[in-house]
Protein backbone atom coordinates (compact mmCIF):
# COMPACT_ATOMS: atom_id res chain seq x y z
CA MET A 1 77.67 124.67 107.33
CA LEU A 2 79.14 126.52 104.58
CA LEU A 3 76.85 128.14 101.63
CA ILE A 4 78.76 128.20 98.51
CA PRO A 5 77.32 130.25 95.68
CA ALA A 6 77.43 128.66 92.12
CA ILE A 7 78.34 130.15 89.15
CA ASP A 8 77.49 128.15 86.08
CA LEU A 9 79.64 129.19 83.03
CA LYS A 10 77.95 128.68 79.37
CA GLY A 11 79.17 130.54 76.42
CA GLY A 12 81.03 132.95 78.72
CA GLN A 13 77.68 134.10 80.77
CA CYS A 14 76.69 132.85 83.92
CA VAL A 15 73.51 130.75 83.75
CA ARG A 16 71.63 128.61 85.78
CA LEU A 17 69.97 125.44 84.11
CA GLN A 18 67.08 123.17 85.37
CA GLN A 19 67.85 119.54 85.97
CA GLY A 20 71.21 119.93 84.04
CA LEU A 21 69.39 120.58 80.36
CA MET A 22 71.41 123.00 78.50
CA ASP A 23 68.26 124.28 76.28
CA ARG A 24 66.63 125.47 79.73
CA ALA A 25 69.22 127.98 80.83
CA THR A 26 68.50 131.31 82.21
CA VAL A 27 71.05 133.90 81.69
CA PHE A 28 71.82 136.07 84.86
CA SER A 29 74.90 137.78 83.94
CA ASP A 30 77.05 138.62 80.87
CA GLU A 31 80.04 139.16 83.35
CA PRO A 32 80.69 136.29 85.49
CA ALA A 33 83.76 138.00 87.32
CA LYS A 34 81.42 140.91 88.29
CA MET A 35 79.07 138.18 89.68
CA ALA A 36 81.69 136.28 91.58
CA LEU A 37 82.89 139.45 93.35
CA HIS A 38 79.24 140.26 94.04
CA TRP A 39 78.55 137.11 96.05
CA CYS A 40 82.01 137.68 97.83
CA GLN A 41 80.79 140.95 99.01
CA ARG A 42 77.31 139.16 100.14
CA GLY A 43 79.54 137.01 102.51
CA ALA A 44 80.47 134.12 100.39
CA ARG A 45 83.56 132.25 101.87
CA ARG A 46 84.00 129.81 98.82
CA LEU A 47 82.72 129.95 95.25
CA HIS A 48 81.84 127.00 92.84
CA LEU A 49 82.40 127.28 89.28
CA VAL A 50 81.01 125.07 86.67
CA ASP A 51 82.29 124.97 83.08
CA LEU A 52 79.12 123.45 81.41
CA ASP A 53 80.21 123.53 77.95
CA GLY A 54 83.34 121.81 79.22
CA ALA A 55 81.48 119.10 80.90
CA PHE A 56 79.82 118.25 77.53
CA ALA A 57 83.06 118.83 75.47
CA GLY A 58 85.33 116.94 77.97
CA LYS A 59 87.83 119.72 78.14
CA PRO A 60 88.04 123.49 79.43
CA GLU A 61 85.70 125.50 77.30
CA ASN A 62 85.22 128.85 79.50
CA MET A 63 89.10 129.47 80.39
CA ILE A 64 88.48 133.33 79.64
CA SER A 65 85.76 133.90 82.26
CA ILE A 66 87.44 131.36 84.61
CA LYS A 67 90.49 133.48 84.56
CA ALA A 68 88.67 136.61 85.18
CA ILE A 69 87.02 135.35 88.08
CA LEU A 70 90.10 133.97 89.46
CA GLU A 71 91.86 137.53 89.32
CA GLN A 72 88.98 138.99 90.65
CA VAL A 73 88.54 136.81 93.60
CA ALA A 74 90.99 134.07 94.31
CA ASP A 75 93.24 136.05 96.80
CA ASN A 76 90.30 136.49 99.00
CA VAL A 77 88.31 133.32 98.76
CA PRO A 78 88.84 129.59 97.93
CA VAL A 79 87.29 128.72 94.48
CA GLN A 80 86.54 125.26 92.94
CA LEU A 81 85.70 124.17 89.80
CA GLY A 82 84.25 121.07 87.88
CA GLY A 83 83.22 120.50 84.26
CA GLY A 84 85.47 119.03 81.62
CA VAL A 85 88.20 117.90 83.88
CA ARG A 86 89.32 114.53 82.36
CA ASP A 87 93.47 114.29 82.80
CA LEU A 88 96.14 115.54 85.46
CA HIS A 89 97.35 118.13 83.03
CA THR A 90 93.88 119.86 83.15
CA ILE A 91 93.83 119.71 86.94
CA GLU A 92 97.44 121.03 87.20
CA ARG A 93 96.64 123.97 84.92
CA TYR A 94 93.81 125.09 86.76
CA LEU A 95 95.48 124.94 90.18
CA GLN A 96 98.24 127.05 88.90
CA LEU A 97 95.74 129.75 87.64
CA GLY A 98 94.61 130.06 91.22
CA LEU A 99 92.00 127.43 91.91
CA SER A 100 91.99 125.97 95.25
CA TYR A 101 90.12 122.83 94.56
CA VAL A 102 89.22 120.80 91.31
CA ILE A 103 86.32 118.78 90.82
CA ILE A 104 86.32 115.45 89.19
CA GLY A 105 83.24 114.22 87.88
CA THR A 106 82.66 112.25 84.94
CA ALA A 107 86.26 110.97 84.64
CA ALA A 108 85.97 109.77 88.25
CA VAL A 109 83.35 107.14 86.95
CA LYS A 110 84.94 106.41 83.84
CA ASN A 111 88.58 106.47 85.03
CA PRO A 112 88.84 105.87 88.95
CA GLN A 113 92.39 105.79 88.68
CA LEU A 114 92.65 109.27 87.72
CA VAL A 115 91.17 110.30 91.26
CA ARG A 116 93.85 108.39 93.27
CA GLN A 117 96.66 109.74 90.86
CA ALA A 118 95.21 113.26 91.18
CA CYS A 119 95.11 112.95 95.27
CA ALA A 120 98.79 111.67 95.02
CA ALA A 121 99.72 114.80 92.95
CA PHE A 122 97.77 117.37 94.52
CA PRO A 123 96.65 116.37 98.07
CA GLY A 124 94.02 118.28 99.72
CA GLN A 125 92.83 119.82 96.46
CA ILE A 126 90.87 117.06 94.47
CA ILE A 127 86.95 116.91 95.19
CA VAL A 128 84.73 114.26 93.70
CA GLY A 129 81.48 115.32 92.04
CA LEU A 130 78.86 112.63 92.10
CA ASP A 131 75.67 113.71 90.21
CA ALA A 132 72.72 111.26 90.70
CA LYS A 133 69.21 110.94 89.10
CA ASP A 134 66.99 108.39 91.43
CA GLY A 135 70.22 107.25 93.15
CA LEU A 136 71.95 106.35 90.06
CA VAL A 137 75.25 108.24 88.82
CA ALA A 138 74.67 110.54 85.70
CA ILE A 139 77.80 111.64 83.73
CA ASP A 140 78.84 113.56 80.42
CA GLY A 141 77.03 116.76 81.75
CA TRP A 142 74.37 114.57 83.09
CA ALA A 143 73.33 113.40 79.45
CA LYS A 144 73.75 109.74 80.44
CA VAL A 145 72.63 107.96 83.66
CA THR A 146 74.70 104.69 84.43
CA ASP A 147 73.75 101.70 86.49
CA LEU A 148 76.02 102.63 89.23
CA HIS A 149 74.50 103.57 92.57
CA VAL A 150 75.96 106.81 94.00
CA THR A 151 76.51 105.50 97.61
CA GLU A 152 78.53 102.49 96.30
CA LEU A 153 80.42 104.60 94.01
CA ALA A 154 81.41 107.13 96.98
CA LYS A 155 82.74 104.04 98.78
CA ARG A 156 85.29 103.48 96.09
CA PHE A 157 86.79 106.87 96.65
CA ALA A 158 86.84 107.35 100.54
CA ASP A 159 90.26 106.28 100.84
CA ASP A 160 91.81 107.95 97.95
CA GLY A 161 92.52 111.12 100.01
CA ILE A 162 89.74 113.20 98.27
CA ASP A 163 88.70 116.42 100.07
CA SER A 164 85.18 116.02 99.95
CA ILE A 165 82.24 114.78 97.83
CA ILE A 166 79.79 117.00 96.02
CA TYR A 167 76.52 115.22 96.05
CA THR A 168 73.94 116.56 93.33
CA ASP A 169 70.40 115.46 93.12
CA ILE A 170 69.81 116.05 89.48
CA GLY A 171 66.21 116.03 89.62
CA ARG A 172 66.12 118.92 92.10
CA ASP A 173 68.57 120.99 90.61
CA GLY A 174 67.60 124.34 89.50
CA MET A 175 63.95 123.44 90.41
CA MET A 176 63.51 125.57 93.38
CA GLY A 177 61.83 122.35 95.06
CA GLY A 178 63.90 121.89 98.22
CA VAL A 179 67.06 119.86 98.90
CA ASN A 180 67.32 115.70 99.20
CA ILE A 181 67.94 115.84 102.91
CA ASN A 182 67.71 112.18 103.09
CA ALA A 183 69.63 111.42 100.30
CA THR A 184 72.57 113.46 101.26
CA VAL A 185 72.55 112.22 104.72
CA LYS A 186 72.53 108.66 103.93
CA LEU A 187 75.61 109.17 101.46
CA ALA A 188 77.47 111.23 104.43
CA GLN A 189 76.87 108.40 106.92
CA GLU A 190 78.30 105.88 104.44
CA VAL A 191 81.60 107.61 103.51
CA ALA A 192 84.33 109.00 105.85
CA VAL A 193 84.57 112.38 103.98
CA PRO A 194 82.66 115.64 103.95
CA VAL A 195 79.75 115.80 102.01
CA ILE A 196 78.53 119.13 100.23
CA ALA A 197 74.98 119.04 99.38
CA SER A 198 73.98 120.47 95.81
CA GLY A 199 70.62 120.69 94.15
CA GLY A 200 67.19 122.16 95.42
CA VAL A 201 68.33 124.53 98.16
CA THR A 202 65.71 127.20 97.93
CA SER A 203 64.82 128.68 101.41
CA MET A 204 65.76 129.37 104.60
CA ALA A 205 64.34 126.23 105.73
CA ASP A 206 66.43 124.17 103.62
CA VAL A 207 69.48 125.71 105.33
CA GLN A 208 67.97 124.98 108.67
CA ALA A 209 67.43 121.55 107.85
CA LEU A 210 70.87 121.25 106.43
CA CYS A 211 72.41 122.47 109.41
CA ALA A 212 70.38 120.11 111.57
CA VAL A 213 72.47 117.17 110.00
CA ALA A 214 75.81 119.01 109.59
CA GLU A 215 76.98 116.67 112.48
CA GLN A 216 76.28 113.56 110.38
CA GLY A 217 78.93 114.76 107.66
CA VAL A 218 77.08 117.33 105.66
CA ALA A 219 79.79 120.12 105.51
CA GLY A 220 78.17 122.63 103.10
CA ALA A 221 75.84 123.27 100.51
CA ILE A 222 76.16 124.90 96.83
CA VAL A 223 73.27 127.44 96.42
CA GLY A 224 72.29 128.51 92.81
CA ARG A 225 69.01 129.82 91.54
CA ALA A 226 67.65 130.65 94.67
CA ILE A 227 70.33 133.37 95.56
CA TYR A 228 70.09 134.66 92.03
CA GLU A 229 66.14 134.79 91.99
CA GLY A 230 65.92 136.19 95.64
CA SER A 231 64.06 133.46 97.63
CA LEU A 232 67.23 132.88 99.41
CA ASP A 233 69.43 135.83 100.98
CA LEU A 234 73.07 134.64 100.84
CA ALA A 235 74.43 136.87 103.54
CA THR A 236 71.47 136.09 105.86
CA ALA A 237 71.44 132.09 105.52
CA GLN A 238 75.12 132.28 106.04
CA ARG A 239 74.94 134.16 109.38
CA MET A 240 72.26 131.66 110.38
CA ALA A 241 74.27 128.75 109.55
CA ASP A 242 77.30 130.16 111.48
CA GLN A 243 74.83 130.97 114.61
CA ASN A 244 73.75 127.12 114.36
CA LYS A 245 77.39 126.06 114.65
CA ARG A 246 77.91 128.16 118.06
């Protein structure tokens, strides 16, 4: 079970939102690159970046901060990023900067062909991000909820060659209310690619619960507000997850 610290970028700052609402942002750092290094020093083996402004604008909006983060840590840990990825040019540009994985979210829903094209052009480096509210996929920075069920949509991408799927339960994101284990496991059981949980990971109990279902296809979890506010210690949680594997 890989625990992946999230660094959400808004206006060049490291923030955390509640349920994806931009007006409910808490600023945790004015220096995202230093925050990235901090999590690596605390034992992170991968980092998760989100260009929040880009998710709404449909194009990269925090490139200065992203470059600074990659210069600081990309030689030591893989870095993945989502938000505002809408075309192959953006994907190629990010990978050339040093990202290991690029996450396609809204564009995967609106333009499924992009996922297939990206997987063919950049094999092993494409992740699909599926964000859902009450099981229905949300797009455009979570501003719009579609009538597409997350499980059925995930199945469409399972054979495209994606590295994994990030499943975010919007209702739990940033709310410190616990991870949606049942929905995450159900999705993992339905697709033949690893699923990374996101949203609501709050405590060691959540990490233990995720470890218990790792063999069912849940490969990791993105952790955010809990590690910033201190209800979950990243280093301790990752050690526990590693011991569970053994």
